[in-house]
Structure formats: structure tokens, C-alpha cells
Amino acid sequence: MSIPPWVTELFSRGGYLDGEGRLRKRRLVFHTLALMLFVFALYWGAYQIYRAMGWNHLAAISEFVEDLGVGGVALYVFIVDLLILPLSVDLIWPFVISWPMAKAVLVIGSASMAAALVSHLIGRLIGLIPLLRGWVTSVIGGETKRLVNRYGAWAIVISGLTPLPFSTITLASGVLHLTFSRVALASTVRFFRMAIYYLIVTRLIF
């Protein structure tokens, strides 16, 4: 029995824009939910192992966060969302679930938003340097450039909530001269995203 084309499309990587530059919403929503389920399944599995071994997860996490500090958490999130790295902000959640929600969302959301604004400004600066402009254009070329050109600041909102590359799109917003105020407003979506993840992760573990 042959696999329907739409199933193959959903499970393939990338390709979030169609030939006319419009978002493939079904594909993007599916990948977003799949990524969330994968991340939370890892947390849940790690917690079950942790509990089975008789460890006091609250004490261990609290000790780690005390050693790392708010500054360490914020720095990790800032670097991950500023640079184009094969890392995820979500790796920090196991170490902040003992924090009150307001504190976790404020620290992680602020660091992520700050990274987006700095990335945008770097993109603006790079756009003025011919030697670097060509290299960055190749990095943000293709789908990312089409997405930002078509949706503007909404591309940042979309990438802030989905698996689309947030740091790459904020950099592209600078190179393509999106308005700073709109980028700042769009970047606040990271607070909403962090709040959702905090609620889900804490409900899974506590």
C-alpha cells in the first residue's frame, strides 16, 4: 500500500513555505506539536528514572540552580537565541522548574527577547558591511529570507512559537531592515512561549 503524499510531506524536514511563499500551516503545526511531545517525553522519562533511583529531584535541581544562578540561566538562553547553534533553550527547563512561574518566565523570556533584539541589530550592522553581507545573505537565504520578506515581523512571532529557527529569523530581520519597534513587539511572544512550556513541564513532573 502506498503512503499518501500528504503523510510523506508532514514527516519530511523543512519546506515550511509553498511555491508562492505562503506558510504550510498544517505542516508547521504538526512539527511544532511533534517537537513539544518529544521534548516533554524526554523530561517525563528522565523524571521516572530519577524517581526510581530514589533521588530527591527538588533538592538536586535547587542546588544546581543555586550554583548556576539567575545570571547563568539567562546567559545560556541569551547565547542560544543569539547565535545559530545546534542547541535549544528547552534544555534549561529541568534546572528552573523549582522556580516560581513568574521568575522563570521573566528570566528566560527576557534573555530570549534581548538575544532577538541584539541579533536584529547585528543583522543591521552586517547589512552595512559588504564583505559580511554576502556571507550572511547566504546563511539566511532561501526559505528564511522568503518568510521574512512575506510576513515581516510576524515571521518572528511564528518562529518564536514553532521549530522555525528563531535566531536565524531575527538576524534576517536586521539584514532585511525590519522596523526595530516591530521586531521588539514581535519578540515579546517568547514570554508567552516560555509560560506555556513552564506550565506543561511542571504539570508533567510535579
N, C-alpha and C. Protein backbone atom coordinates (compact mmCIF):
# COMPACT_ATOMS: atom_id res chain seq x y z
N MET A 1 0.84 -1.19 0.00
CA MET A 1 0.00 0.00 0.00
C MET A 1 0.88 1.25 0.00
N SER A 2 0.64 2.16 -0.90
CA SER A 2 1.46 3.36 -1.00
C SER A 2 1.08 4.36 0.09
N ILE A 3 2.07 5.15 0.52
CA ILE A 3 1.86 6.17 1.55
C ILE A 3 1.30 7.43 0.90
N PRO A 4 0.22 8.00 1.44
CA PRO A 4 -0.35 9.22 0.86
C PRO A 4 0.68 10.34 0.84
N PRO A 5 0.71 11.15 -0.23
CA PRO A 5 1.69 12.23 -0.35
C PRO A 5 1.68 13.20 0.84
N TRP A 6 0.48 13.48 1.41
CA TRP A 6 0.42 14.45 2.50
C TRP A 6 1.09 13.91 3.77
N VAL A 7 1.09 12.58 3.95
CA VAL A 7 1.77 11.98 5.10
C VAL A 7 3.28 12.12 4.94
N THR A 8 3.77 11.82 3.74
CA THR A 8 5.20 11.97 3.47
C THR A 8 5.64 13.41 3.68
N GLU A 9 4.80 14.34 3.26
CA GLU A 9 5.13 15.76 3.39
C GLU A 9 5.22 16.18 4.85
N LEU A 10 4.30 15.69 5.67
CA LEU A 10 4.30 16.05 7.08
C LEU A 10 5.55 15.57 7.81
N PHE A 11 6.03 14.39 7.44
CA PHE A 11 7.15 13.80 8.16
C PHE A 11 8.52 14.14 7.56
N SER A 12 8.56 14.90 6.48
CA SER A 12 9.83 15.31 5.92
C SER A 12 10.29 16.60 6.60
N ARG A 13 11.56 16.92 6.50
CA ARG A 13 12.13 18.08 7.17
C ARG A 13 11.98 19.33 6.31
N GLY A 14 11.96 20.50 7.02
CA GLY A 14 11.95 21.78 6.31
C GLY A 14 10.74 21.97 5.44
N GLY A 15 10.88 22.82 4.43
CA GLY A 15 9.81 23.04 3.48
C GLY A 15 8.55 23.63 4.08
N TYR A 16 8.71 24.70 4.89
CA TYR A 16 7.55 25.29 5.53
C TYR A 16 6.85 26.33 4.66
N LEU A 17 7.40 26.61 3.50
CA LEU A 17 6.78 27.54 2.57
C LEU A 17 6.44 26.81 1.27
N ASP A 18 5.32 27.17 0.67
CA ASP A 18 4.98 26.56 -0.62
C ASP A 18 5.64 27.34 -1.75
N GLY A 19 5.34 27.01 -2.97
CA GLY A 19 5.96 27.65 -4.12
C GLY A 19 5.69 29.13 -4.22
N GLU A 20 4.61 29.60 -3.60
CA GLU A 20 4.26 31.02 -3.63
C GLU A 20 4.70 31.77 -2.38
N GLY A 21 5.45 31.09 -1.53
CA GLY A 21 5.98 31.75 -0.33
C GLY A 21 5.02 31.79 0.84
N ARG A 22 3.92 31.04 0.77
CA ARG A 22 2.95 31.00 1.87
C ARG A 22 3.28 29.86 2.83
N LEU A 23 2.98 30.07 4.10
CA LEU A 23 3.25 29.05 5.10
C LEU A 23 2.40 27.81 4.89
N ARG A 24 3.02 26.66 5.03
CA ARG A 24 2.28 25.40 5.03
C ARG A 24 1.86 25.16 6.49
N LYS A 25 0.71 25.68 6.86
CA LYS A 25 0.28 25.73 8.26
C LYS A 25 0.15 24.33 8.87
N ARG A 26 -0.45 23.40 8.14
CA ARG A 26 -0.64 22.06 8.68
C ARG A 26 0.70 21.42 9.01
N ARG A 27 1.65 21.59 8.12
CA ARG A 27 2.98 21.01 8.32
C ARG A 27 3.67 21.65 9.54
N LEU A 28 3.57 22.98 9.64
CA LEU A 28 4.22 23.69 10.73
C LEU A 28 3.61 23.33 12.08
N VAL A 29 2.29 23.26 12.15
CA VAL A 29 1.61 22.90 13.40
C VAL A 29 1.96 21.48 13.80
N PHE A 30 1.99 20.58 12.83
CA PHE A 30 2.33 19.18 13.12
C PHE A 30 3.74 19.08 13.69
N HIS A 31 4.70 19.74 13.06
CA HIS A 31 6.08 19.67 13.52
C HIS A 31 6.24 20.33 14.90
N THR A 32 5.49 21.41 15.14
CA THR A 32 5.56 22.07 16.44
C THR A 32 5.06 21.14 17.54
N LEU A 33 3.92 20.51 17.31
CA LEU A 33 3.36 19.59 18.31
C LEU A 33 4.26 18.37 18.50
N ALA A 34 4.83 17.87 17.39
CA ALA A 34 5.72 16.70 17.47
C ALA A 34 6.96 17.03 18.29
N LEU A 35 7.51 18.23 18.09
CA LEU A 35 8.69 18.64 18.85
C LEU A 35 8.36 18.79 20.33
N MET A 36 7.21 19.39 20.63
CA MET A 36 6.81 19.55 22.02
C MET A 36 6.64 18.19 22.70
N LEU A 37 5.98 17.27 22.02
CA LEU A 37 5.77 15.93 22.59
C LEU A 37 7.10 15.22 22.82
N PHE A 38 8.03 15.39 21.89
CA PHE A 38 9.34 14.75 22.02
C PHE A 38 10.09 15.30 23.23
N VAL A 39 10.11 16.63 23.36
CA VAL A 39 10.81 17.27 24.47
C VAL A 39 10.20 16.86 25.80
N PHE A 40 8.87 16.90 25.88
CA PHE A 40 8.22 16.58 27.14
C PHE A 40 8.31 15.08 27.46
N ALA A 41 8.36 14.24 26.44
CA ALA A 41 8.54 12.81 26.67
C ALA A 41 9.92 12.54 27.27
N LEU A 42 10.92 13.28 26.82
CA LEU A 42 12.27 13.14 27.39
C LEU A 42 12.27 13.55 28.85
N TYR A 43 11.61 14.69 29.16
CA TYR A 43 11.54 15.14 30.54
C TYR A 43 10.85 14.12 31.44
N TRP A 44 9.72 13.61 30.94
CA TRP A 44 8.96 12.65 31.73
C TRP A 44 9.77 11.38 31.96
N GLY A 45 10.43 10.88 30.93
CA GLY A 45 11.24 9.68 31.06
C GLY A 45 12.40 9.87 32.02
N ALA A 46 13.06 11.04 31.91
CA ALA A 46 14.18 11.32 32.81
C ALA A 46 13.71 11.41 34.25
N TYR A 47 12.53 11.99 34.44
CA TYR A 47 11.98 12.10 35.80
C TYR A 47 11.65 10.74 36.38
N GLN A 48 11.10 9.83 35.57
CA GLN A 48 10.76 8.50 36.06
C GLN A 48 12.02 7.75 36.49
N ILE A 49 13.09 7.88 35.72
CA ILE A 49 14.36 7.24 36.09
C ILE A 49 14.90 7.86 37.37
N TYR A 50 14.81 9.18 37.42
CA TYR A 50 15.29 9.93 38.59
C TYR A 50 14.58 9.48 39.86
N ARG A 51 13.24 9.35 39.77
CA ARG A 51 12.44 8.95 40.93
C ARG A 51 12.69 7.49 41.30
N ALA A 52 12.85 6.64 40.28
CA ALA A 52 13.08 5.21 40.53
C ALA A 52 14.38 4.97 41.29
N MET A 53 15.35 5.86 41.08
CA MET A 53 16.64 5.72 41.76
C MET A 53 16.64 6.35 43.14
N GLY A 54 15.47 6.92 43.51
CA GLY A 54 15.34 7.45 44.87
C GLY A 54 15.99 8.79 45.10
N TRP A 55 16.27 9.54 44.05
CA TRP A 55 16.89 10.85 44.21
C TRP A 55 15.84 11.89 44.56
N ASN A 56 16.24 12.86 45.34
CA ASN A 56 15.37 13.98 45.67
C ASN A 56 15.54 15.02 44.58
N HIS A 57 14.65 15.00 43.57
CA HIS A 57 14.84 15.87 42.42
C HIS A 57 14.71 17.35 42.78
N LEU A 58 13.87 17.69 43.74
CA LEU A 58 13.73 19.09 44.12
C LEU A 58 15.02 19.64 44.72
N ALA A 59 15.64 18.85 45.61
CA ALA A 59 16.87 19.30 46.25
C ALA A 59 18.01 19.40 45.24
N ALA A 60 18.11 18.41 44.34
CA ALA A 60 19.20 18.40 43.35
C ALA A 60 19.07 19.57 42.39
N ILE A 61 17.86 19.79 41.91
CA ILE A 61 17.65 20.89 40.96
C ILE A 61 17.87 22.23 41.64
N SER A 62 17.36 22.37 42.85
CA SER A 62 17.53 23.63 43.58
C SER A 62 19.02 23.93 43.80
N GLU A 63 19.78 22.89 44.15
CA GLU A 63 21.21 23.08 44.36
C GLU A 63 21.91 23.50 43.08
N PHE A 64 21.53 22.85 41.96
CA PHE A 64 22.15 23.19 40.68
C PHE A 64 21.86 24.63 40.30
N VAL A 65 20.61 25.04 40.45
CA VAL A 65 20.22 26.39 40.07
C VAL A 65 20.88 27.43 40.97
N GLU A 66 21.03 27.08 42.26
CA GLU A 66 21.70 27.99 43.17
C GLU A 66 23.15 28.20 42.75
N ASP A 67 23.80 27.12 42.31
CA ASP A 67 25.18 27.23 41.85
C ASP A 67 25.27 28.00 40.53
N LEU A 68 24.32 27.70 39.63
CA LEU A 68 24.33 28.35 38.32
C LEU A 68 23.86 29.79 38.42
N GLY A 69 22.82 30.01 39.19
CA GLY A 69 22.30 31.36 39.38
C GLY A 69 21.44 31.85 38.23
N VAL A 70 20.70 32.89 38.51
CA VAL A 70 19.85 33.50 37.50
C VAL A 70 20.67 33.98 36.30
N GLY A 71 21.84 34.53 36.61
CA GLY A 71 22.71 35.02 35.54
C GLY A 71 23.15 33.92 34.60
N GLY A 72 23.44 32.74 35.15
CA GLY A 72 23.87 31.61 34.32
C GLY A 72 22.76 31.13 33.41
N VAL A 73 21.54 31.05 33.95
CA VAL A 73 20.39 30.64 33.14
C VAL A 73 20.14 31.65 32.03
N ALA A 74 20.15 32.93 32.40
CA ALA A 74 19.91 33.98 31.41
C ALA A 74 20.99 33.99 30.33
N LEU A 75 22.25 33.77 30.73
CA LEU A 75 23.34 33.77 29.77
C LEU A 75 23.21 32.62 28.79
N TYR A 76 22.85 31.44 29.28
CA TYR A 76 22.67 30.29 28.40
C TYR A 76 21.59 30.58 27.36
N VAL A 77 20.44 31.07 27.81
CA VAL A 77 19.33 31.36 26.91
C VAL A 77 19.73 32.44 25.91
N PHE A 78 20.42 33.46 26.39
CA PHE A 78 20.84 34.57 25.52
C PHE A 78 21.74 34.06 24.40
N ILE A 79 22.73 33.25 24.74
CA ILE A 79 23.68 32.75 23.74
C ILE A 79 22.99 31.84 22.73
N VAL A 80 22.13 30.95 23.22
CA VAL A 80 21.44 30.01 22.33
C VAL A 80 20.54 30.75 21.34
N ASP A 81 19.83 31.79 21.82
CA ASP A 81 18.91 32.51 20.94
C ASP A 81 19.59 33.62 20.14
N LEU A 82 20.84 33.92 20.48
CA LEU A 82 21.58 34.92 19.71
C LEU A 82 22.34 34.29 18.55
N LEU A 83 23.00 33.18 18.83
CA LEU A 83 23.85 32.54 17.83
C LEU A 83 23.10 31.41 17.13
N ILE A 84 23.54 31.08 15.94
CA ILE A 84 22.95 29.98 15.18
C ILE A 84 23.68 28.70 15.59
N LEU A 85 23.15 28.05 16.63
CA LEU A 85 23.79 26.88 17.22
C LEU A 85 22.83 25.69 17.24
N PRO A 86 23.39 24.48 17.24
CA PRO A 86 22.54 23.27 17.32
C PRO A 86 22.14 22.98 18.77
N LEU A 87 21.62 23.99 19.46
CA LEU A 87 21.19 23.86 20.84
C LEU A 87 19.77 24.38 20.97
N SER A 88 19.14 24.06 22.09
CA SER A 88 17.77 24.51 22.32
C SER A 88 17.64 25.15 23.69
N VAL A 89 16.85 26.20 23.76
CA VAL A 89 16.54 26.84 25.04
C VAL A 89 15.89 25.84 25.99
N ASP A 90 15.17 24.89 25.45
CA ASP A 90 14.40 23.95 26.27
C ASP A 90 15.27 23.05 27.15
N LEU A 91 16.55 22.99 26.88
CA LEU A 91 17.44 22.19 27.72
C LEU A 91 17.57 22.77 29.12
N ILE A 92 17.18 24.01 29.30
CA ILE A 92 17.33 24.66 30.60
C ILE A 92 16.17 24.36 31.55
N TRP A 93 15.04 23.87 31.02
CA TRP A 93 13.84 23.69 31.85
C TRP A 93 14.04 22.80 33.07
N PRO A 94 14.74 21.67 32.97
CA PRO A 94 14.89 20.83 34.16
C PRO A 94 15.55 21.55 35.33
N PHE A 95 16.28 22.64 35.05
CA PHE A 95 17.02 23.32 36.10
C PHE A 95 16.30 24.54 36.68
N VAL A 96 15.13 24.85 36.16
CA VAL A 96 14.40 26.01 36.66
C VAL A 96 12.96 25.67 37.07
N ILE A 97 12.60 24.40 37.03
CA ILE A 97 11.21 24.06 37.36
C ILE A 97 10.90 24.27 38.84
N SER A 98 11.92 24.45 39.67
CA SER A 98 11.67 24.74 41.08
C SER A 98 11.43 26.23 41.31
N TRP A 99 11.65 27.03 40.26
CA TRP A 99 11.40 28.47 40.37
C TRP A 99 9.91 28.76 40.31
N PRO A 100 9.47 29.87 40.90
CA PRO A 100 8.09 30.32 40.66
C PRO A 100 7.92 30.63 39.17
N MET A 101 6.71 30.48 38.68
CA MET A 101 6.46 30.68 37.26
C MET A 101 6.87 32.07 36.79
N ALA A 102 6.51 33.09 37.57
CA ALA A 102 6.81 34.46 37.18
C ALA A 102 8.32 34.68 37.01
N LYS A 103 9.10 34.10 37.91
CA LYS A 103 10.55 34.26 37.85
C LYS A 103 11.12 33.55 36.64
N ALA A 104 10.71 32.31 36.40
CA ALA A 104 11.24 31.54 35.27
C ALA A 104 10.89 32.19 33.94
N VAL A 105 9.63 32.58 33.80
CA VAL A 105 9.19 33.19 32.54
C VAL A 105 9.87 34.53 32.32
N LEU A 106 10.00 35.32 33.38
CA LEU A 106 10.63 36.64 33.25
C LEU A 106 12.10 36.53 32.87
N VAL A 107 12.83 35.64 33.55
CA VAL A 107 14.27 35.50 33.28
C VAL A 107 14.52 34.93 31.89
N ILE A 108 13.88 33.81 31.57
CA ILE A 108 14.12 33.15 30.29
C ILE A 108 13.54 33.97 29.14
N GLY A 109 12.34 34.51 29.33
CA GLY A 109 11.73 35.33 28.28
C GLY A 109 12.52 36.59 28.00
N SER A 110 12.99 37.25 29.06
CA SER A 110 13.77 38.48 28.88
C SER A 110 15.09 38.21 28.16
N ALA A 111 15.76 37.12 28.56
CA ALA A 111 17.03 36.77 27.91
C ALA A 111 16.82 36.43 26.45
N SER A 112 15.74 35.74 26.15
CA SER A 112 15.44 35.37 24.77
C SER A 112 15.10 36.60 23.94
N MET A 113 14.30 37.50 24.51
CA MET A 113 13.93 38.72 23.80
C MET A 113 15.16 39.60 23.58
N ALA A 114 16.02 39.71 24.60
CA ALA A 114 17.24 40.50 24.46
C ALA A 114 18.12 39.95 23.34
N ALA A 115 18.22 38.62 23.26
CA ALA A 115 19.00 37.99 22.20
C ALA A 115 18.43 38.33 20.83
N ALA A 116 17.10 38.33 20.73
CA ALA A 116 16.45 38.64 19.45
C ALA A 116 16.76 40.07 19.02
N LEU A 117 16.73 41.00 19.95
CA LEU A 117 16.99 42.41 19.61
C LEU A 117 18.45 42.63 19.24
N VAL A 118 19.35 41.98 19.99
CA VAL A 118 20.78 42.10 19.65
C VAL A 118 21.06 41.47 18.30
N SER A 119 20.45 40.32 18.04
CA SER A 119 20.61 39.66 16.74
C SER A 119 20.12 40.55 15.61
N HIS A 120 18.99 41.20 15.84
CA HIS A 120 18.45 42.13 14.83
C HIS A 120 19.43 43.27 14.56
N LEU A 121 19.99 43.84 15.62
CA LEU A 121 20.94 44.95 15.46
C LEU A 121 22.22 44.49 14.77
N ILE A 122 22.66 43.28 15.09
CA ILE A 122 23.83 42.73 14.41
C ILE A 122 23.54 42.57 12.92
N GLY A 123 22.34 42.10 12.61
CA GLY A 123 21.94 41.98 11.22
C GLY A 123 21.95 43.32 10.51
N ARG A 124 21.48 44.36 11.20
CA ARG A 124 21.51 45.71 10.64
C ARG A 124 22.95 46.15 10.34
N LEU A 125 23.84 45.88 11.30
CA LEU A 125 25.24 46.26 11.15
C LEU A 125 25.89 45.49 10.01
N ILE A 126 25.65 44.20 9.96
CA ILE A 126 26.23 43.36 8.92
C ILE A 126 25.76 43.81 7.54
N GLY A 127 24.51 44.26 7.49
CA GLY A 127 23.97 44.72 6.21
C GLY A 127 24.72 45.91 5.64
N LEU A 128 25.50 46.59 6.49
CA LEU A 128 26.27 47.76 6.04
C LEU A 128 27.69 47.41 5.62
N ILE A 129 28.08 46.15 5.87
CA ILE A 129 29.45 45.72 5.57
C ILE A 129 29.42 44.75 4.38
N PRO A 130 29.82 45.20 3.21
CA PRO A 130 29.73 44.35 2.01
C PRO A 130 30.39 42.99 2.16
N LEU A 131 31.54 42.94 2.85
CA LEU A 131 32.27 41.68 2.99
C LEU A 131 31.46 40.65 3.76
N LEU A 132 30.72 41.10 4.76
CA LEU A 132 29.93 40.19 5.59
C LEU A 132 28.52 40.00 5.05
N ARG A 133 28.02 41.00 4.33
CA ARG A 133 26.65 40.94 3.86
C ARG A 133 26.42 39.74 2.94
N GLY A 134 27.38 39.45 2.09
CA GLY A 134 27.26 38.31 1.17
C GLY A 134 27.20 37.00 1.91
N TRP A 135 28.03 36.86 2.95
CA TRP A 135 28.05 35.61 3.71
C TRP A 135 26.75 35.42 4.47
N VAL A 136 26.29 36.46 5.14
CA VAL A 136 25.05 36.35 5.92
C VAL A 136 23.85 36.12 5.02
N THR A 137 23.86 36.76 3.86
CA THR A 137 22.76 36.56 2.92
C THR A 137 22.65 35.10 2.52
N SER A 138 23.80 34.44 2.39
CA SER A 138 23.78 33.01 2.04
C SER A 138 23.25 32.16 3.19
N VAL A 139 23.52 32.61 4.43
CA VAL A 139 23.05 31.88 5.61
C VAL A 139 21.54 32.01 5.76
N ILE A 140 21.03 33.23 5.52
CA ILE A 140 19.60 33.47 5.71
C ILE A 140 18.83 33.36 4.40
N GLY A 141 19.50 32.90 3.38
CA GLY A 141 18.85 32.83 2.07
C GLY A 141 17.77 31.77 2.02
N GLY A 142 17.12 31.71 0.89
CA GLY A 142 16.10 30.69 0.68
C GLY A 142 14.86 30.92 1.51
N GLU A 143 14.47 29.89 2.25
CA GLU A 143 13.20 29.90 2.96
C GLU A 143 13.11 31.00 4.02
N THR A 144 14.19 31.21 4.75
CA THR A 144 14.18 32.23 5.81
C THR A 144 13.94 33.62 5.23
N LYS A 145 14.66 33.95 4.17
CA LYS A 145 14.52 35.26 3.54
C LYS A 145 13.12 35.45 2.98
N ARG A 146 12.58 34.41 2.35
CA ARG A 146 11.23 34.49 1.79
C ARG A 146 10.20 34.67 2.90
N LEU A 147 10.41 34.00 4.01
CA LEU A 147 9.47 34.08 5.13
C LEU A 147 9.44 35.50 5.70
N VAL A 148 10.62 36.07 5.92
CA VAL A 148 10.69 37.43 6.49
C VAL A 148 10.17 38.46 5.50
N ASN A 149 10.50 38.30 4.23
CA ASN A 149 10.02 39.25 3.22
C ASN A 149 8.50 39.23 3.11
N ARG A 150 7.91 38.06 3.25
CA ARG A 150 6.46 37.94 3.07
C ARG A 150 5.68 38.33 4.33
N TYR A 151 6.17 37.88 5.50
CA TYR A 151 5.40 38.06 6.73
C TYR A 151 5.94 39.15 7.65
N GLY A 152 7.10 39.70 7.34
CA GLY A 152 7.64 40.77 8.17
C GLY A 152 7.86 40.33 9.60
N ALA A 153 7.45 41.18 10.56
CA ALA A 153 7.65 40.88 11.98
C ALA A 153 6.86 39.65 12.42
N TRP A 154 5.80 39.32 11.70
CA TRP A 154 5.03 38.12 12.04
C TRP A 154 5.88 36.86 11.89
N ALA A 155 6.91 36.92 11.08
CA ALA A 155 7.82 35.77 10.95
C ALA A 155 8.52 35.50 12.28
N ILE A 156 8.80 36.56 13.03
CA ILE A 156 9.42 36.40 14.35
C ILE A 156 8.44 35.78 15.33
N VAL A 157 7.18 36.23 15.26
CA VAL A 157 6.15 35.65 16.12
C VAL A 157 6.00 34.15 15.84
N ILE A 158 5.95 33.82 14.57
CA ILE A 158 5.78 32.41 14.18
C ILE A 158 6.97 31.57 14.63
N SER A 159 8.18 32.07 14.38
CA SER A 159 9.37 31.30 14.76
C SER A 159 9.53 31.23 16.27
N GLY A 160 9.00 32.22 16.99
CA GLY A 160 9.09 32.22 18.44
C GLY A 160 8.23 31.16 19.10
N LEU A 161 7.28 30.61 18.34
CA LEU A 161 6.36 29.61 18.87
C LEU A 161 6.52 28.23 18.25
N THR A 162 7.32 28.14 17.19
CA THR A 162 7.42 26.90 16.41
C THR A 162 8.89 26.48 16.22
N PRO A 163 9.12 25.35 15.54
CA PRO A 163 10.51 24.91 15.31
C PRO A 163 11.28 25.75 14.30
N LEU A 164 10.66 26.74 13.68
CA LEU A 164 11.41 27.59 12.76
C LEU A 164 12.58 28.23 13.50
N PRO A 165 13.73 28.43 12.83
CA PRO A 165 14.94 28.92 13.51
C PRO A 165 14.82 30.37 13.97
N PHE A 166 14.58 30.55 15.27
CA PHE A 166 14.34 31.88 15.84
C PHE A 166 15.53 32.82 15.64
N SER A 167 16.75 32.34 15.97
CA SER A 167 17.93 33.20 15.87
C SER A 167 18.22 33.59 14.42
N THR A 168 18.00 32.67 13.50
CA THR A 168 18.24 32.97 12.09
C THR A 168 17.26 34.01 11.58
N ILE A 169 16.02 33.90 11.99
CA ILE A 169 14.99 34.83 11.52
C ILE A 169 15.17 36.21 12.13
N THR A 170 15.59 36.30 13.40
CA THR A 170 15.83 37.62 13.98
C THR A 170 17.04 38.29 13.32
N LEU A 171 18.05 37.48 12.98
CA LEU A 171 19.19 38.03 12.25
C LEU A 171 18.75 38.54 10.88
N ALA A 172 17.92 37.76 10.21
CA ALA A 172 17.42 38.16 8.90
C ALA A 172 16.58 39.43 8.98
N SER A 173 15.86 39.60 10.10
CA SER A 173 15.05 40.81 10.25
C SER A 173 15.90 42.06 10.25
N GLY A 174 17.14 41.94 10.74
CA GLY A 174 18.05 43.08 10.72
C GLY A 174 18.64 43.32 9.35
N VAL A 175 19.08 42.25 8.72
CA VAL A 175 19.68 42.37 7.38
C VAL A 175 18.66 42.92 6.38
N LEU A 176 17.39 42.53 6.56
CA LEU A 176 16.34 42.95 5.64
C LEU A 176 15.63 44.22 6.10
N HIS A 177 16.18 44.86 7.15
CA HIS A 177 15.74 46.18 7.61
C HIS A 177 14.28 46.24 8.07
N LEU A 178 13.86 45.26 8.88
CA LEU A 178 12.56 45.38 9.52
C LEU A 178 12.63 46.46 10.59
N THR A 179 11.53 47.10 10.88
CA THR A 179 11.49 48.17 11.87
C THR A 179 11.79 47.60 13.26
N PHE A 180 12.70 48.28 13.98
CA PHE A 180 13.13 47.79 15.29
C PHE A 180 11.96 47.67 16.26
N SER A 181 11.08 48.65 16.28
CA SER A 181 9.96 48.62 17.22
C SER A 181 9.05 47.42 16.96
N ARG A 182 8.85 47.07 15.69
CA ARG A 182 8.02 45.91 15.37
C ARG A 182 8.71 44.61 15.76
N VAL A 183 10.02 44.57 15.58
CA VAL A 183 10.79 43.39 15.99
C VAL A 183 10.71 43.22 17.51
N ALA A 184 10.83 44.34 18.24
CA ALA A 184 10.75 44.28 19.70
C ALA A 184 9.38 43.79 20.15
N LEU A 185 8.34 44.29 19.52
CA LEU A 185 6.98 43.88 19.88
C LEU A 185 6.77 42.39 19.55
N ALA A 186 7.24 41.97 18.39
CA ALA A 186 7.08 40.57 17.99
C ALA A 186 7.86 39.64 18.91
N SER A 187 9.00 40.09 19.41
CA SER A 187 9.85 39.25 20.26
C SER A 187 9.23 38.96 21.62
N THR A 188 8.24 39.77 22.03
CA THR A 188 7.59 39.51 23.32
C THR A 188 6.84 38.19 23.32
N VAL A 189 6.65 37.61 22.14
CA VAL A 189 5.99 36.30 22.06
C VAL A 189 6.76 35.24 22.83
N ARG A 190 8.05 35.47 23.06
CA ARG A 190 8.85 34.49 23.79
C ARG A 190 8.39 34.33 25.24
N PHE A 191 7.83 35.40 25.83
CA PHE A 191 7.29 35.28 27.18
C PHE A 191 6.10 34.31 27.18
N PHE A 192 5.25 34.45 26.19
CA PHE A 192 4.09 33.58 26.06
C PHE A 192 4.53 32.13 25.85
N ARG A 193 5.52 31.95 24.99
CA ARG A 193 6.02 30.61 24.70
C ARG A 193 6.63 29.97 25.95
N MET A 194 7.42 30.75 26.71
CA MET A 194 8.04 30.21 27.91
C MET A 194 6.99 29.88 28.97
N ALA A 195 5.95 30.67 29.05
CA ALA A 195 4.88 30.40 30.02
C ALA A 195 4.19 29.08 29.71
N ILE A 196 3.92 28.84 28.43
CA ILE A 196 3.28 27.59 28.02
C ILE A 196 4.16 26.39 28.38
N TYR A 197 5.43 26.49 28.06
CA TYR A 197 6.34 25.38 28.34
C TYR A 197 6.50 25.16 29.84
N TYR A 198 6.57 26.23 30.60
CA TYR A 198 6.70 26.09 32.05
C TYR A 198 5.50 25.33 32.63
N LEU A 199 4.32 25.73 32.21
CA LEU A 199 3.11 25.09 32.72
C LEU A 199 3.07 23.60 32.37
N ILE A 200 3.44 23.27 31.14
CA ILE A 200 3.40 21.87 30.72
C ILE A 200 4.46 21.04 31.44
N VAL A 201 5.67 21.57 31.51
CA VAL A 201 6.77 20.82 32.14
C VAL A 201 6.48 20.59 33.62
N THR A 202 6.02 21.62 34.33
CA THR A 202 5.76 21.47 35.76
C THR A 202 4.59 20.51 36.02
N ARG A 203 3.61 20.49 35.14
CA ARG A 203 2.50 19.56 35.31
C ARG A 203 2.95 18.12 35.07
N LEU A 204 3.97 17.93 34.23
CA LEU A 204 4.48 16.60 33.96
C LEU A 204 5.30 16.05 35.12
N ILE A 205 6.01 16.94 35.80
CA ILE A 205 6.99 16.49 36.79
C ILE A 205 6.47 16.53 38.23
N PHE A 206 5.60 17.49 38.54
CA PHE A 206 5.13 17.59 39.91
C PHE A 206 3.78 16.91 40.09
